[in-house]
Amino acid sequence: MQVFSVEGMTCGHCVGAVTQAVKSQDPVASVEVDLAAKTVSVESQLSAEQVIGLITEEGYSARLA
């Protein structure tokens, strides 16, 4: 499980966008978003750099927490 600190998420649409971005590259990934903590936990075969890239493409600032 990798945990990322993600800035810019404010609502359910943001959660869906981040979740879909990861699942588009790894359909079996587990993605848990905590809006209050501004974190995204990802269980995936993707590397941390790949996940950060996918989240960044959606317009959010992401880094390993």
C-alpha atoms as a PDB file:
ATOM      1  CA  MET A   1       0.000   0.000   0.000  1.00  0.00           C
ATOM      2  CA  GLN A   2       1.384   3.373  -1.062  1.00  0.00           C
ATOM      3  CA  VAL A   3       0.060   6.583   0.491  1.00  0.00           C
ATOM      4  CA  PHE A   4       0.171   9.860  -1.407  1.00  0.00           C
ATOM      5  CA  SER A   5      -0.432  13.399  -0.221  1.00  0.00           C
ATOM      6  CA  VAL A   6      -2.664  15.061  -2.811  1.00  0.00           C
ATOM      7  CA  GLU A   7      -3.471  18.788  -2.897  1.00  0.00           C
ATOM      8  CA  GLY A   8      -6.501  20.220  -4.659  1.00  0.00           C
ATOM      9  CA  MET A   9      -9.127  17.541  -3.972  1.00  0.00           C
ATOM     10  CA  THR A  10     -12.327  19.088  -2.616  1.00  0.00           C
ATOM     11  CA  CYS A  11     -15.326  16.943  -3.547  1.00  0.00           C
ATOM     12  CA  GLY A  12     -16.726  13.646  -4.757  1.00  0.00           C
ATOM     13  CA  HIS A  13     -15.898  14.529  -8.353  1.00  0.00           C
ATOM     14  CA  CYS A  14     -12.228  14.849  -7.339  1.00  0.00           C
ATOM     15  CA  VAL A  15     -12.363  11.436  -5.656  1.00  0.00           C
ATOM     16  CA  GLY A  16     -13.829   9.892  -8.804  1.00  0.00           C
ATOM     17  CA  ALA A  17     -11.288  11.552 -11.079  1.00  0.00           C
ATOM     18  CA  VAL A  18      -8.318  10.353  -9.027  1.00  0.00           C
ATOM     19  CA  THR A  19      -9.770   6.854  -8.633  1.00  0.00           C
ATOM     20  CA  GLN A  20     -10.512   6.526 -12.357  1.00  0.00           C
ATOM     21  CA  ALA A  21      -7.068   7.837 -13.303  1.00  0.00           C
ATOM     22  CA  VAL A  22      -5.368   5.023 -11.380  1.00  0.00           C
ATOM     23  CA  LYS A  23      -7.870   2.347 -12.406  1.00  0.00           C
ATOM     24  CA  SER A  24      -7.499   3.307 -16.070  1.00  0.00           C
ATOM     25  CA  GLN A  25      -3.955   1.903 -15.914  1.00  0.00           C
ATOM     26  CA  ASP A  26      -4.548  -0.820 -13.299  1.00  0.00           C
ATOM     27  CA  PRO A  27      -8.218  -1.936 -13.266  1.00  0.00           C
ATOM     28  CA  VAL A  28      -7.735  -4.153 -10.191  1.00  0.00           C
ATOM     29  CA  ALA A  29      -6.056  -1.429  -8.118  1.00  0.00           C
ATOM     30  CA  SER A  30      -7.482  -0.554  -4.724  1.00  0.00           C
ATOM     31  CA  VAL A  31      -7.827   3.223  -4.327  1.00  0.00           C
ATOM     32  CA  GLU A  32      -8.964   4.872  -1.080  1.00  0.00           C
ATOM     33  CA  VAL A  33      -9.310   8.652  -0.927  1.00  0.00           C
ATOM     34  CA  ASP A  34      -9.499  10.601   2.345  1.00  0.00           C
ATOM     35  CA  LEU A  35     -10.568  14.142   1.435  1.00  0.00           C
ATOM     36  CA  ALA A  36     -10.177  15.469   4.996  1.00  0.00           C
ATOM     37  CA  ALA A  37      -6.598  14.186   5.279  1.00  0.00           C
ATOM     38  CA  LYS A  38      -5.829  14.969   1.610  1.00  0.00           C
ATOM     39  CA  THR A  39      -4.426  11.479   1.117  1.00  0.00           C
ATOM     40  CA  VAL A  40      -4.856   8.750  -1.466  1.00  0.00           C
ATOM     41  CA  SER A  41      -3.931   5.171  -0.558  1.00  0.00           C
ATOM     42  CA  VAL A  42      -3.207   2.924  -3.529  1.00  0.00           C
ATOM     43  CA  GLU A  43      -2.651  -0.833  -3.680  1.00  0.00           C
ATOM     44  CA  SER A  44      -1.434  -1.417  -7.227  1.00  0.00           C
ATOM     45  CA  GLN A  45       1.199  -2.930  -9.473  1.00  0.00           C
ATOM     46  CA  LEU A  46       1.972   0.603 -10.664  1.00  0.00           C
ATOM     47  CA  SER A  47       5.069   2.356  -9.353  1.00  0.00           C
ATOM     48  CA  ALA A  48       4.768   5.401  -7.107  1.00  0.00           C
ATOM     49  CA  GLU A  49       6.038   7.552  -9.973  1.00  0.00           C
ATOM     50  CA  GLN A  50       3.343   6.196 -12.296  1.00  0.00           C
ATOM     51  CA  VAL A  51       0.583   6.885  -9.758  1.00  0.00           C
ATOM     52  CA  ILE A  52       1.883  10.414  -9.130  1.00  0.00           C
ATOM     53  CA  GLY A  53       1.942  11.008 -12.892  1.00  0.00           C
ATOM     54  CA  LEU A  54      -1.641   9.825 -13.316  1.00  0.00           C
ATOM     55  CA  ILE A  55      -2.900  12.000 -10.448  1.00  0.00           C
ATOM     56  CA  THR A  56      -0.929  14.991 -11.748  1.00  0.00           C
ATOM     57  CA  GLU A  57      -2.505  14.540 -15.199  1.00  0.00           C
ATOM     58  CA  GLU A  58      -5.891  15.037 -13.517  1.00  0.00           C
ATOM     59  CA  GLY A  59      -4.747  18.444 -12.269  1.00  0.00           C
ATOM     60  CA  TYR A  60      -3.784  17.652  -8.669  1.00  0.00           C
ATOM     61  CA  SER A  61      -0.438  17.981  -6.910  1.00  0.00           C
ATOM     62  CA  ALA A  62       0.711  14.584  -5.603  1.00  0.00           C
ATOM     63  CA  ARG A  63       3.716  13.243  -3.685  1.00  0.00           C
ATOM     64  CA  LEU A  64       4.482  10.292  -1.477  1.00  0.00           C
ATOM     65  CA  ALA A  65       3.204  10.962   2.039  1.00  0.00           C
END
